[in-house]
C-alpha atoms as a PDB file:
ATOM      1  CA  UNK A   1     -49.375 -24.425 -26.005  1.00  0.00           C
ATOM      2  CA  UNK A   2     -51.374 -21.881 -24.736  1.00  0.00           C
ATOM      3  CA  UNK A   3     -50.858 -22.489 -21.195  1.00  0.00           C
ATOM      4  CA  UNK A   4     -47.256 -22.579 -21.456  1.00  0.00           C
ATOM      5  CA  UNK A   5     -47.265 -18.788 -23.566  1.00  0.00           C
ATOM      6  CA  UNK A   6     -49.503 -17.530 -20.869  1.00  0.00           C
ATOM      7  CA  UNK A   7     -47.018 -19.013 -18.224  1.00  0.00           C
ATOM      8  CA  UNK A   8     -43.769 -17.265 -20.040  1.00  0.00           C
ATOM      9  CA  UNK A   9     -45.765 -14.169 -20.733  1.00  0.00           C
ATOM     10  CA  UNK A  10     -46.253 -13.982 -17.005  1.00  0.00           C
ATOM     11  CA  UNK A  11     -43.317 -14.978 -15.817  1.00  0.00           C
ATOM     12  CA  UNK A  12     -41.210 -12.312 -18.240  1.00  0.00           C
ATOM     13  CA  UNK A  13     -43.477  -9.691 -16.860  1.00  0.00           C
ATOM     14  CA  UNK A  14     -42.348 -10.533 -12.914  1.00  0.00           C
ATOM     15  CA  UNK A  15     -38.825 -10.170 -14.116  1.00  0.00           C
ATOM     16  CA  UNK A  16     -39.140  -7.001 -15.641  1.00  0.00           C
ATOM     17  CA  UNK A  17     -41.226  -5.635 -12.680  1.00  0.00           C
ATOM     18  CA  UNK A  18     -37.891  -6.716 -10.483  1.00  0.00           C
ATOM     19  CA  UNK A  19     -35.575  -4.166  -9.364  1.00  0.00           C
ATOM     20  CA  UNK A  20     -32.037  -4.196 -11.815  1.00  0.00           C
ATOM     21  CA  UNK A  21     -30.227  -4.925  -8.328  1.00  0.00           C
ATOM     22  CA  UNK A  22     -32.311  -7.593  -7.440  1.00  0.00           C
ATOM     23  CA  UNK A  23     -31.697  -9.257 -10.876  1.00  0.00           C
ATOM     24  CA  UNK A  24     -28.034  -9.023 -10.821  1.00  0.00           C
ATOM     25  CA  UNK A  25     -27.826 -10.707  -7.030  1.00  0.00           C
ATOM     26  CA  UNK A  26     -29.152 -13.861  -8.651  1.00  0.00           C
ATOM     27  CA  UNK A  27     -25.368 -14.013 -10.690  1.00  0.00           C
ATOM     28  CA  UNK A  28     -23.806 -12.649  -7.702  1.00  0.00           C
ATOM     29  CA  UNK A  29     -21.126 -15.034  -6.291  1.00  0.00           C
ATOM     30  CA  UNK A  30     -21.788 -16.026  -2.880  1.00  0.00           C
ATOM     31  CA  UNK A  31     -18.283 -14.596  -1.247  1.00  0.00           C
ATOM     32  CA  UNK A  32     -15.965 -12.334  -2.849  1.00  0.00           C
ATOM     33  CA  UNK A  33     -12.442 -12.338  -1.861  1.00  0.00           C
ATOM     34  CA  UNK A  34      -9.769 -10.145  -0.855  1.00  0.00           C
ATOM     35  CA  UNK A  35      -6.154 -10.453  -0.335  1.00  0.00           C
ATOM     36  CA  UNK A  36      -4.609  -8.046   2.022  1.00  0.00           C
ATOM     37  CA  UNK A  37      -0.596  -8.662   2.883  1.00  0.00           C
ATOM     38  CA  UNK A  38      -0.902  -8.163   6.491  1.00  0.00           C
ATOM     39  CA  UNK A  39      -2.662  -8.978   9.531  1.00  0.00           C
ATOM     40  CA  UNK A  40      -6.381  -7.678  10.355  1.00  0.00           C
ATOM     41  CA  UNK A  41      -5.005  -5.228  13.879  1.00  0.00           C
ATOM     42  CA  UNK A  42      -2.917  -2.780  11.815  1.00  0.00           C
ATOM     43  CA  UNK A  43      -4.212  -0.036   9.945  1.00  0.00           C
ATOM     44  CA  UNK A  44      -3.866  -1.954   6.946  1.00  0.00           C
ATOM     45  CA  UNK A  45      -6.026  -4.323   7.641  1.00  0.00           C
ATOM     46  CA  UNK A  46      -8.506  -2.597   9.497  1.00  0.00           C
ATOM     47  CA  UNK A  47      -8.816  -0.206   6.521  1.00  0.00           C
ATOM     48  CA  UNK A  48      -9.896  -3.690   4.355  1.00  0.00           C
ATOM     49  CA  UNK A  49     -11.932  -5.211   7.025  1.00  0.00           C
ATOM     50  CA  UNK A  50     -13.735  -1.364   7.080  1.00  0.00           C
ATOM     51  CA  UNK A  51     -14.019  -1.397   3.510  1.00  0.00           C
ATOM     52  CA  UNK A  52     -16.428  -4.777   3.304  1.00  0.00           C
ATOM     53  CA  UNK A  53     -17.965  -4.016   5.888  1.00  0.00           C
ATOM     54  CA  UNK A  54     -19.525  -0.367   4.262  1.00  0.00           C
ATOM     55  CA  UNK A  55     -19.940  -2.518   1.170  1.00  0.00           C
ATOM     56  CA  UNK A  56     -22.052  -5.674   2.663  1.00  0.00           C
ATOM     57  CA  UNK A  57     -23.972  -3.201   4.389  1.00  0.00           C
ATOM     58  CA  UNK A  58     -24.448  -0.561   1.742  1.00  0.00           C
ATOM     59  CA  UNK A  59     -25.329  -2.914  -0.782  1.00  0.00           C
ATOM     60  CA  UNK A  60     -27.913  -4.541   1.512  1.00  0.00           C
ATOM     61  CA  UNK A  61     -25.501  -8.239   1.857  1.00  0.00           C
ATOM     62  CA  UNK A  62     -25.994  -8.330  -2.273  1.00  0.00           C
ATOM     63  CA  UNK A  63     -22.003  -7.849  -1.874  1.00  0.00           C
ATOM     64  CA  UNK A  64     -20.487 -10.032   0.480  1.00  0.00           C
ATOM     65  CA  UNK A  65     -16.441  -9.474   0.657  1.00  0.00           C
ATOM     66  CA  UNK A  66     -14.278 -11.909   2.704  1.00  0.00           C
ATOM     67  CA  UNK A  67     -11.112 -10.416   3.522  1.00  0.00           C
ATOM     68  CA  UNK A  68      -8.378 -12.799   3.402  1.00  0.00           C
ATOM     69  CA  UNK A  69      -5.203 -11.757   5.765  1.00  0.00           C
ATOM     70  CA  UNK A  70      -1.455 -12.209   5.682  1.00  0.00           C
ATOM     71  CA  UNK A  71      -0.776 -13.210   2.130  1.00  0.00           C
ATOM     72  CA  UNK A  72      -2.794 -16.512   2.829  1.00  0.00           C
ATOM     73  CA  UNK A  73      -3.962 -16.098  -0.760  1.00  0.00           C
ATOM     74  CA  UNK A  74      -0.792 -16.394  -1.948  1.00  0.00           C
ATOM     75  CA  UNK A  75       0.740 -18.754   0.335  1.00  0.00           C
ATOM     76  CA  UNK A  76       2.933 -16.062   1.987  1.00  0.00           C
ATOM     77  CA  UNK A  77       4.001 -14.775  -1.949  1.00  0.00           C
ATOM     78  CA  UNK A  78       3.359 -11.159  -1.511  1.00  0.00           C
ATOM     79  CA  UNK A  79       5.205 -10.906  -5.068  1.00  0.00           C
ATOM     80  CA  UNK A  80       2.761 -12.582  -6.105  1.00  0.00           C
ATOM     81  CA  UNK A  81      -0.566 -10.863  -5.352  1.00  0.00           C
ATOM     82  CA  UNK A  82      -0.629  -9.072  -8.672  1.00  0.00           C
ATOM     83  CA  UNK A  83      -0.805 -12.184 -10.859  1.00  0.00           C
ATOM     84  CA  UNK A  84      -3.625 -13.634  -8.811  1.00  0.00           C
ATOM     85  CA  UNK A  85      -5.477 -10.935  -8.895  1.00  0.00           C
ATOM     86  CA  UNK A  86      -5.457 -10.150 -12.405  1.00  0.00           C
ATOM     87  CA  UNK A  87      -6.160 -13.279 -12.394  1.00  0.00           C
ATOM     88  CA  UNK A  88      -9.723 -13.915 -10.409  1.00  0.00           C
ATOM     89  CA  UNK A  89      -8.340 -15.223  -7.604  1.00  0.00           C
ATOM     90  CA  UNK A  90      -8.519 -12.663  -5.711  1.00  0.00           C
ATOM     91  CA  UNK A  91     -11.270 -10.100  -6.466  1.00  0.00           C
ATOM     92  CA  UNK A  92     -10.430  -7.500  -4.747  1.00  0.00           C
ATOM     93  CA  UNK A  93      -7.042  -6.297  -3.328  1.00  0.00           C
ATOM     94  CA  UNK A  94      -5.777  -3.557  -0.453  1.00  0.00           C
ATOM     95  CA  UNK A  95      -1.912  -3.847  -1.824  1.00  0.00           C
ATOM     96  CA  UNK A  96       1.402  -2.124  -1.150  1.00  0.00           C
ATOM     97  CA  UNK A  97       2.762  -0.432  -4.198  1.00  0.00           C
ATOM     98  CA  UNK A  98       6.156  -2.334  -3.189  1.00  0.00           C
ATOM     99  CA  UNK A  99       4.297  -5.709  -3.451  1.00  0.00           C
ATOM    100  CA  UNK A 100       3.453  -5.223  -7.111  1.00  0.00           C
ATOM    101  CA  UNK A 101       6.435  -3.530  -8.503  1.00  0.00           C
ATOM    102  CA  UNK A 102       8.627  -6.372  -9.015  1.00  0.00           C
ATOM    103  CA  UNK A 103       5.914  -7.231 -11.623  1.00  0.00           C
ATOM    104  CA  UNK A 104       4.403  -3.845 -13.024  1.00  0.00           C
ATOM    105  CA  UNK A 105       7.584  -1.678 -13.000  1.00  0.00           C
ATOM    106  CA  UNK A 106       6.220   1.702 -13.410  1.00  0.00           C
ATOM    107  CA  UNK A 107       5.292   1.198  -9.602  1.00  0.00           C
ATOM    108  CA  UNK A 108       8.883   1.652  -8.572  1.00  0.00           C
ATOM    109  CA  UNK A 109       8.356   5.208  -8.910  1.00  0.00           C
ATOM    110  CA  UNK A 110       7.145   5.024  -5.020  1.00  0.00           C
ATOM    111  CA  UNK A 111      10.563   3.572  -3.938  1.00  0.00           C
ATOM    112  CA  UNK A 112      13.036   5.841  -5.183  1.00  0.00           C
ATOM    113  CA  UNK A 113      14.935   7.013  -2.960  1.00  0.00           C
ATOM    114  CA  UNK A 114      13.766  10.999  -0.865  1.00  0.00           C
ATOM    115  CA  UNK A 115      11.853  11.345  -3.934  1.00  0.00           C
ATOM    116  CA  UNK A 116       8.889  12.491  -1.959  1.00  0.00           C
ATOM    117  CA  UNK A 117       9.905  15.013   0.931  1.00  0.00           C
ATOM    118  CA  UNK A 118       6.184  14.988   2.261  1.00  0.00           C
ATOM    119  CA  UNK A 119       2.154  13.820   2.576  1.00  0.00           C
ATOM    120  CA  UNK A 120       1.519  16.724   0.342  1.00  0.00           C
ATOM    121  CA  UNK A 121       3.641  15.706  -2.511  1.00  0.00           C
ATOM    122  CA  UNK A 122       2.968  12.153  -2.696  1.00  0.00           C
ATOM    123  CA  UNK A 123      -0.882  13.674  -2.823  1.00  0.00           C
ATOM    124  CA  UNK A 124      -0.365  15.765  -5.320  1.00  0.00           C
ATOM    125  CA  UNK A 125       0.925  12.643  -7.729  1.00  0.00           C
ATOM    126  CA  UNK A 126      -1.295  10.054  -6.136  1.00  0.00           C
ATOM    127  CA  UNK A 127      -4.637  12.924  -6.816  1.00  0.00           C
ATOM    128  CA  UNK A 128      -3.255  14.283  -9.824  1.00  0.00           C
ATOM    129  CA  UNK A 129      -2.788  13.404 -13.620  1.00  0.00           C
ATOM    130  CA  UNK A 130       0.320  10.684 -12.721  1.00  0.00           C
ATOM    131  CA  UNK A 131      -2.803   9.259 -10.252  1.00  0.00           C
ATOM    132  CA  UNK A 132      -5.028   8.664 -13.180  1.00  0.00           C
ATOM    133  CA  UNK A 133      -2.250   7.473 -15.488  1.00  0.00           C
ATOM    134  CA  UNK A 134      -1.209   4.835 -12.679  1.00  0.00           C
ATOM    135  CA  UNK A 135      -4.808   3.929 -12.660  1.00  0.00           C
ATOM    136  CA  UNK A 136      -4.860   3.881 -16.777  1.00  0.00           C
ATOM    137  CA  UNK A 137      -1.732   1.303 -16.672  1.00  0.00           C
ATOM    138  CA  UNK A 138      -3.566  -0.734 -13.789  1.00  0.00           C
ATOM    139  CA  UNK A 139      -6.683  -1.014 -16.013  1.00  0.00           C
ATOM    140  CA  UNK A 140      -5.258  -1.694 -19.357  1.00  0.00           C
ATOM    141  CA  UNK A 141      -3.650  -4.755 -17.207  1.00  0.00           C
ATOM    142  CA  UNK A 142      -7.023  -6.197 -15.833  1.00  0.00           C
ATOM    143  CA  UNK A 143      -7.853  -4.610 -12.078  1.00  0.00           C
ATOM    144  CA  UNK A 144      -9.532  -1.356 -11.701  1.00  0.00           C
ATOM    145  CA  UNK A 145      -8.064   1.395  -9.021  1.00  0.00           C
ATOM    146  CA  UNK A 146     -11.085   2.126  -6.552  1.00  0.00           C
ATOM    147  CA  UNK A 147      -9.082   4.609  -4.199  1.00  0.00           C
ATOM    148  CA  UNK A 148      -5.501   5.103  -2.582  1.00  0.00           C
ATOM    149  CA  UNK A 149      -4.638   4.250   1.000  1.00  0.00           C
ATOM    150  CA  UNK A 150      -1.095   4.389   2.836  1.00  0.00           C
ATOM    151  CA  UNK A 151       1.269   2.838   4.995  1.00  0.00           C
ATOM    152  CA  UNK A 152       3.431   5.173   5.266  1.00  0.00           C
ATOM    153  CA  UNK A 153       7.165   6.775   4.778  1.00  0.00           C
ATOM    154  CA  UNK A 154       9.139   4.135   5.527  1.00  0.00           C
ATOM    155  CA  UNK A 155      11.915   4.959   8.643  1.00  0.00           C
ATOM    156  CA  UNK A 156      14.974   3.257   9.568  1.00  0.00           C
ATOM    157  CA  UNK A 157      15.751   2.097  13.123  1.00  0.00           C
ATOM    158  CA  UNK A 158      18.941   0.440  14.661  1.00  0.00           C
ATOM    159  CA  UNK A 159      20.449  -1.011  17.904  1.00  0.00           C
ATOM    160  CA  UNK A 160      23.935   0.529  16.953  1.00  0.00           C
ATOM    161  CA  UNK A 161      23.582   4.247  17.233  1.00  0.00           C
ATOM    162  CA  UNK A 162      22.382   7.621  15.788  1.00  0.00           C
ATOM    163  CA  UNK A 163      21.669   7.681  12.163  1.00  0.00           C
ATOM    164  CA  UNK A 164      22.476  11.715  11.349  1.00  0.00           C
ATOM    165  CA  UNK A 165      24.090  11.585   8.180  1.00  0.00           C
ATOM    166  CA  UNK A 166      25.032   8.742   5.040  1.00  0.00           C
ATOM    167  CA  UNK A 167      28.192   7.529   6.818  1.00  0.00           C
ATOM    168  CA  UNK A 168      26.483   6.271  10.151  1.00  0.00           C
ATOM    169  CA  UNK A 169      24.415   4.013   7.762  1.00  0.00           C
ATOM    170  CA  UNK A 170      27.863   1.863   6.204  1.00  0.00           C
ATOM    171  CA  UNK A 171      28.423  -1.160   7.389  1.00  0.00           C
ATOM    172  CA  UNK A 172      25.326  -1.598   9.233  1.00  0.00           C
ATOM    173  CA  UNK A 173      23.076  -5.187   8.836  1.00  0.00           C
ATOM    174  CA  UNK A 174      19.422  -3.501   7.555  1.00  0.00           C
ATOM    175  CA  UNK A 175      16.784  -5.122   7.128  1.00  0.00           C
ATOM    176  CA  UNK A 176      14.796  -4.162   3.691  1.00  0.00           C
ATOM    177  CA  UNK A 177      11.776  -5.648   1.633  1.00  0.00           C
ATOM    178  CA  UNK A 178      13.256  -8.292  -0.994  1.00  0.00           C
ATOM    179  CA  UNK A 179      11.992  -5.910  -4.207  1.00  0.00           C
ATOM    180  CA  UNK A 180      15.250  -4.897  -5.822  1.00  0.00           C
ATOM    181  CA  UNK A 181      15.226  -0.957  -5.399  1.00  0.00           C
ATOM    182  CA  UNK A 182      15.052  -1.373  -2.231  1.00  0.00           C
ATOM    183  CA  UNK A 183      18.531  -3.536  -2.072  1.00  0.00           C
ATOM    184  CA  UNK A 184      19.938  -1.423  -4.091  1.00  0.00           C
ATOM    185  CA  UNK A 185      19.371   2.239  -2.388  1.00  0.00           C
ATOM    186  CA  UNK A 186      21.090   0.564   0.986  1.00  0.00           C
ATOM    187  CA  UNK A 187      24.016  -0.650  -1.058  1.00  0.00           C
ATOM    188  CA  UNK A 188      24.366   2.845  -1.991  1.00  0.00           C
ATOM    189  CA  UNK A 189      24.047   4.130   1.228  1.00  0.00           C
ATOM    190  CA  UNK A 190      26.551   1.810   2.637  1.00  0.00           C
ATOM    191  CA  UNK A 191      24.374  -0.277   4.507  1.00  0.00           C
ATOM    192  CA  UNK A 192      24.736  -3.815   4.096  1.00  0.00           C
ATOM    193  CA  UNK A 193      20.950  -4.814   3.336  1.00  0.00           C
ATOM    194  CA  UNK A 194      19.512  -8.246   4.502  1.00  0.00           C
ATOM    195  CA  UNK A 195      16.045  -9.901   3.163  1.00  0.00           C
ATOM    196  CA  UNK A 196      14.138 -11.887   5.440  1.00  0.00           C
ATOM    197  CA  UNK A 197      10.547 -12.051   6.653  1.00  0.00           C
ATOM    198  CA  UNK A 198       9.303 -10.129   9.690  1.00  0.00           C
ATOM    199  CA  UNK A 199       9.498 -13.425  11.869  1.00  0.00           C
ATOM    200  CA  UNK A 200      13.011 -14.444  11.171  1.00  0.00           C
ATOM    201  CA  UNK A 201      14.040 -10.405  11.419  1.00  0.00           C
ATOM    202  CA  UNK A 202      12.932 -10.129  14.991  1.00  0.00           C
ATOM    203  CA  UNK A 203      14.742 -13.016  15.966  1.00  0.00           C
ATOM    204  CA  UNK A 204      17.946 -11.586  14.444  1.00  0.00           C
ATOM    205  CA  UNK A 205      17.379  -8.405  15.976  1.00  0.00           C
ATOM    206  CA  UNK A 206      17.593  -9.740  19.490  1.00  0.00           C
ATOM    207  CA  UNK A 207      20.583 -11.698  18.743  1.00  0.00           C
ATOM    208  CA  UNK A 208      22.267  -9.068  17.116  1.00  0.00           C
ATOM    209  CA  UNK A 209      22.793 -10.523  14.070  1.00  0.00           C
ATOM    210  CA  UNK A 210      21.045  -7.717  12.298  1.00  0.00           C
ATOM    211  CA  UNK A 211      21.509  -4.339  13.131  1.00  0.00           C
ATOM    212  CA  UNK A 212      18.224  -2.672  11.886  1.00  0.00           C
ATOM    213  CA  UNK A 213      15.291  -2.436   9.456  1.00  0.00           C
ATOM    214  CA  UNK A 214      13.165   0.454   7.807  1.00  0.00           C
ATOM    215  CA  UNK A 215       9.262   0.877   7.912  1.00  0.00           C
ATOM    216  CA  UNK A 216       6.697   2.792   8.649  1.00  0.00           C
ATOM    217  CA  UNK A 217       6.048   4.102  12.352  1.00  0.00           C
ATOM    218  CA  UNK A 218       2.387   4.537  13.098  1.00  0.00           C
ATOM    219  CA  UNK A 219       1.791   1.368  10.513  1.00  0.00           C
ATOM    220  CA  UNK A 220       4.392  -1.177  11.513  1.00  0.00           C
ATOM    221  CA  UNK A 221       6.850   0.250  14.101  1.00  0.00           C
ATOM    222  CA  UNK A 222       4.440   1.135  16.786  1.00  0.00           C
ATOM    223  CA  UNK A 223       2.045  -1.768  16.569  1.00  0.00           C
ATOM    224  CA  UNK A 224       5.520  -4.050  16.971  1.00  0.00           C
ATOM    225  CA  UNK A 225       7.136  -2.314  19.680  1.00  0.00           C
ATOM    226  CA  UNK A 226      10.275  -1.483  18.345  1.00  0.00           C
ATOM    227  CA  UNK A 227      11.877  -0.534  21.251  1.00  0.00           C
ATOM    228  CA  UNK A 228      12.284  -3.704  21.911  1.00  0.00           C
ATOM    229  CA  UNK A 229      15.072  -4.022  19.820  1.00  0.00           C
ATOM    230  CA  UNK A 230      16.118  -0.930  18.892  1.00  0.00           C
ATOM    231  CA  UNK A 231      17.285   2.205  20.623  1.00  0.00           C
ATOM    232  CA  UNK A 232      17.545   4.538  17.706  1.00  0.00           C
ATOM    233  CA  UNK A 233      15.452   6.121  15.304  1.00  0.00           C
ATOM    234  CA  UNK A 234      16.082   8.474  12.508  1.00  0.00           C
ATOM    235  CA  UNK A 235      12.757   9.995  10.527  1.00  0.00           C
ATOM    236  CA  UNK A 236      14.333  10.030   7.085  1.00  0.00           C
ATOM    237  CA  UNK A 237      11.387   9.730   4.806  1.00  0.00           C
ATOM    238  CA  UNK A 238      13.051   7.661   2.493  1.00  0.00           C
ATOM    239  CA  UNK A 239      10.431   5.651   0.963  1.00  0.00           C
ATOM    240  CA  UNK A 240       6.771   6.257   0.644  1.00  0.00           C
ATOM    241  CA  UNK A 241       4.323   3.116   0.598  1.00  0.00           C
ATOM    242  CA  UNK A 242       1.174   3.579  -0.572  1.00  0.00           C
ATOM    243  CA  UNK A 243      -1.840   1.070  -0.836  1.00  0.00           C
ATOM    244  CA  UNK A 244      -4.207   0.674  -3.358  1.00  0.00           C
ATOM    245  CA  UNK A 245      -7.406  -0.615  -3.170  1.00  0.00           C
ATOM    246  CA  UNK A 246      -8.521  -2.161  -6.143  1.00  0.00           C
ATOM    247  CA  UNK A 247     -10.817  -4.458  -8.106  1.00  0.00           C
ATOM    248  CA  UNK A 248     -10.579  -6.862 -10.512  1.00  0.00           C
ATOM    249  CA  UNK A 249     -12.196  -5.861 -14.006  1.00  0.00           C
ATOM    250  CA  UNK A 250     -14.368  -8.633 -14.943  1.00  0.00           C
ATOM    251  CA  UNK A 251     -15.618  -9.003 -10.991  1.00  0.00           C
ATOM    252  CA  UNK A 252     -16.068  -4.942 -11.090  1.00  0.00           C
ATOM    253  CA  UNK A 253     -18.517  -5.303 -14.627  1.00  0.00           C
ATOM    254  CA  UNK A 254     -20.455  -8.575 -13.285  1.00  0.00           C
ATOM    255  CA  UNK A 255     -21.972  -5.718 -10.543  1.00  0.00           C
ATOM    256  CA  UNK A 256     -24.867  -3.369 -11.250  1.00  0.00           C
ATOM    257  CA  UNK A 257     -24.476   0.182 -12.077  1.00  0.00           C
ATOM    258  CA  UNK A 258     -25.968   0.762  -8.763  1.00  0.00           C
ATOM    259  CA  UNK A 259     -23.668  -1.369  -6.614  1.00  0.00           C
ATOM    260  CA  UNK A 260     -20.675  -0.366  -8.574  1.00  0.00           C
ATOM    261  CA  UNK A 261     -21.004   3.051  -7.538  1.00  0.00           C
ATOM    262  CA  UNK A 262     -21.674   2.029  -3.583  1.00  0.00           C
ATOM    263  CA  UNK A 263     -18.556   0.047  -4.123  1.00  0.00           C
ATOM    264  CA  UNK A 264     -16.386   3.117  -5.496  1.00  0.00           C
ATOM    265  CA  UNK A 265     -18.214   5.837  -2.857  1.00  0.00           C
ATOM    266  CA  UNK A 266     -16.877   2.965   0.193  1.00  0.00           C
ATOM    267  CA  UNK A 267     -13.130   2.613  -0.959  1.00  0.00           C
ATOM    268  CA  UNK A 268     -12.836   6.163  -1.528  1.00  0.00           C
ATOM    269  CA  UNK A 269     -14.128   6.462   2.252  1.00  0.00           C
ATOM    270  CA  UNK A 270     -12.331   3.599   3.836  1.00  0.00           C
ATOM    271  CA  UNK A 271      -9.116   4.613   2.469  1.00  0.00           C
ATOM    272  CA  UNK A 272      -9.387   8.337   3.522  1.00  0.00           C
ATOM    273  CA  UNK A 273     -10.027   6.658   6.612  1.00  0.00           C
ATOM    274  CA  UNK A 274      -6.774   4.374   6.977  1.00  0.00           C
ATOM    275  CA  UNK A 275      -4.906   7.096   5.445  1.00  0.00           C
ATOM    276  CA  UNK A 276      -5.734   9.443   8.217  1.00  0.00           C
ATOM    277  CA  UNK A 277      -4.883   6.568  10.963  1.00  0.00           C
ATOM    278  CA  UNK A 278      -1.749   6.023   9.707  1.00  0.00           C
ATOM    279  CA  UNK A 279      -0.671   9.737   9.264  1.00  0.00           C
ATOM    280  CA  UNK A 280      -2.097  10.842  12.755  1.00  0.00           C
ATOM    281  CA  UNK A 281       1.200  11.828  15.377  1.00  0.00           C
ATOM    282  CA  UNK A 282       3.074  12.290  12.175  1.00  0.00           C
ATOM    283  CA  UNK A 283       2.342  15.962  11.040  1.00  0.00           C
ATOM    284  CA  UNK A 284       3.736  18.868  12.968  1.00  0.00           C
ATOM    285  CA  UNK A 285       2.002  20.266  15.055  1.00  0.00           C
ATOM    286  CA  UNK A 286       1.058  16.752  16.090  1.00  0.00           C
ATOM    287  CA  UNK A 287       4.009  14.829  16.398  1.00  0.00           C
ATOM    288  CA  UNK A 288       2.793  11.971  19.603  1.00  0.00           C
ATOM    289  CA  UNK A 289       3.882   8.780  17.371  1.00  0.00           C
ATOM    290  CA  UNK A 290       7.570  10.045  17.543  1.00  0.00           C
ATOM    291  CA  UNK A 291       6.937  10.879  21.487  1.00  0.00           C
ATOM    292  CA  UNK A 292       5.685   7.092  21.601  1.00  0.00           C
ATOM    293  CA  UNK A 293       8.889   6.543  20.475  1.00  0.00           C
ATOM    294  CA  UNK A 294      10.955   8.708  22.642  1.00  0.00           C
ATOM    295  CA  UNK A 295       8.894   7.738  25.979  1.00  0.00           C
ATOM    296  CA  UNK A 296       9.596   3.974  25.328  1.00  0.00           C
ATOM    297  CA  UNK A 297      13.712   4.820  25.584  1.00  0.00           C
ATOM    298  CA  UNK A 298      14.115   5.581  22.179  1.00  0.00           C
ATOM    299  CA  UNK A 299      16.119   8.174  20.237  1.00  0.00           C
ATOM    300  CA  UNK A 300      14.820   9.644  17.941  1.00  0.00           C
ATOM    301  CA  UNK A 301      16.478  12.048  14.921  1.00  0.00           C
ATOM    302  CA  UNK A 302      14.484  13.895  12.237  1.00  0.00           C
ATOM    303  CA  UNK A 303      16.288  14.427   8.694  1.00  0.00           C
ATOM    304  CA  UNK A 304      16.067  18.225   7.782  1.00  0.00           C
ATOM    305  CA  UNK A 305      15.957  18.970   3.803  1.00  0.00           C
ATOM    306  CA  UNK A 306      19.451  19.682   4.129  1.00  0.00           C
ATOM    307  CA  UNK A 307      20.285  16.465   5.254  1.00  0.00           C
ATOM    308  CA  UNK A 308      18.371  14.631   3.049  1.00  0.00           C
ATOM    309  CA  UNK A 309      19.732  15.865   0.337  1.00  0.00           C
ATOM    310  CA  UNK A 310      23.326  14.999   1.538  1.00  0.00           C
ATOM    311  CA  UNK A 311      21.502  11.078   1.656  1.00  0.00           C
ATOM    312  CA  UNK A 312      20.101  11.426  -1.887  1.00  0.00           C
ATOM    313  CA  UNK A 313      22.597  12.208  -3.377  1.00  0.00           C
ATOM    314  CA  UNK A 314      24.287   9.338  -2.607  1.00  0.00           C
ATOM    315  CA  UNK A 315      21.625   7.181  -4.551  1.00  0.00           C
ATOM    316  CA  UNK A 316      22.537   8.908  -8.422  1.00  0.00           C
ATOM    317  CA  UNK A 317      23.514   5.526  -9.266  1.00  0.00           C
ATOM    318  CA  UNK A 318      19.672   4.110  -8.149  1.00  0.00           C
ATOM    319  CA  UNK A 319      18.632   6.733 -10.032  1.00  0.00           C
ATOM    320  CA  UNK A 320      20.329   6.268 -13.327  1.00  0.00           C
ATOM    321  CA  UNK A 321      19.222   2.567 -13.267  1.00  0.00           C
ATOM    322  CA  UNK A 322      15.952   2.497 -11.979  1.00  0.00           C
ATOM    323  CA  UNK A 323      14.239   5.532 -14.177  1.00  0.00           C
ATOM    324  CA  UNK A 324      14.636   4.269 -17.692  1.00  0.00           C
ATOM    325  CA  UNK A 325      12.806   0.770 -15.999  1.00  0.00           C
ATOM    326  CA  UNK A 326       9.869   3.013 -14.310  1.00  0.00           C
ATOM    327  CA  UNK A 327       9.721   5.356 -17.383  1.00  0.00           C
ATOM    328  CA  UNK A 328      11.208   8.676 -17.721  1.00  0.00           C
ATOM    329  CA  UNK A 329       7.883  10.327 -18.737  1.00  0.00           C
ATOM    330  CA  UNK A 330       6.151   8.885 -15.850  1.00  0.00           C
ATOM    331  CA  UNK A 331       9.034  10.417 -13.104  1.00  0.00           C
ATOM    332  CA  UNK A 332       9.211  13.831 -15.055  1.00  0.00           C
ATOM    333  CA  UNK A 333       5.247  14.370 -14.758  1.00  0.00           C
ATOM    334  CA  UNK A 334       6.067  13.064 -10.874  1.00  0.00           C
ATOM    335  CA  UNK A 335       8.688  15.620 -10.490  1.00  0.00           C
ATOM    336  CA  UNK A 336       6.448  18.270 -11.868  1.00  0.00           C
ATOM    337  CA  UNK A 337       3.473  17.310  -9.252  1.00  0.00           C
ATOM    338  CA  UNK A 338       6.298  17.190  -6.652  1.00  0.00           C
ATOM    339  CA  UNK A 339       7.418  20.635  -7.285  1.00  0.00           C
ATOM    340  CA  UNK A 340       4.035  22.707  -8.089  1.00  0.00           C
ATOM    341  CA  UNK A 341       2.837  20.787  -4.176  1.00  0.00           C
ATOM    342  CA  UNK A 342       6.135  23.138  -2.866  1.00  0.00           C
END
C-alpha cells in the first residue's frame, strides 16, 4: 500500500509539473476537419489552407486541421454545411453567408440586392456592432465566429448584350445561386433565374441554353476564364458574399486557453490576407482585375450610383418580403452603419 501511495504521489507531481498545453494535447483529436465548399486553388480555399498551416505551426503540431474542399463533407449539398458544423461533423468552416442563409435567415442581410454600395460599407457592418450581433447569434446556435473573409461582390456576365439599365436584363436566362432571395431578386429585375451546379452551367453556356451568370470577379470569373463563354460584364455590386471562419463551440472549448488564443489570431490573419487577395484590382485606382477581363475580349460596364439606384428600385418588393424574415432591427442597424460609412 505504501509503495502504491508513493507511486500515486509521484505521478501526480509529474503531471502537475507538465505545462498545461502538454496535458491538453493528450485530449486533442489527431485530426480536426474543416469544411470549404470550393476547391483549394481558389482564393477562398487557399485562405482556409493558410489558416490551418498557421494553427499547425503555432501550436507546434498539437492541432492538426485537414481542409475538406469542394463540399466533400456534405456530399455536395452546400446548404447543409451549417448543420454538419453544429453537429460536429465539421469542426471548423470557412463558409459563405449565402450557403448558411437558408438555415439562418438573418444572414440574408448580405443577400439583399444593392444594399452595400462598396467595401467600406461592408466593413462598417461586419467589423461593427452588427458584426458582433451576428457573432452572438451564431454562438447561441453552436458555432464561434473567428474572423470575416470574403468571396467578393457578385457581378453579372452574359453572352447577349451589355447590361447598362434594368430593361437589359428582361428575358435573359441567368444562372444564379439556388438561395430563394437570389431567385426573387432576378425575377424582380426581369431576368429568368436558372439554378444549376457550376459544371452544368458551363456546358449550358457553351450550348447557348443559359445566357449569363453572377459571381465575384477575382474569386470566380477570372480563375474560370469567364470570357470563354461571355463577352459582356457588368460591375453592379448587387450582392456581397462575405465568408465566415468559424469553429464548433464544443471543439473550441476543448482547447487550452493558450491554443484558443492562437486559433483566434491565426483566423484573423488568414482571413485578412484572403480578403485582400479577393479585393485586389477592384478598388480604384487599381482596377487591374477589370483590365484582365477587357484584355481577354470582354466589354466591361461599371454602373454608377444613380444607375444602381434604378436597379434597386426594381427590387422594392424583394425588400418588403425579406426584411421581416431577416429581422427589421438588424436591417435598420446595418443601414445605419452603411450610412455612417459614407
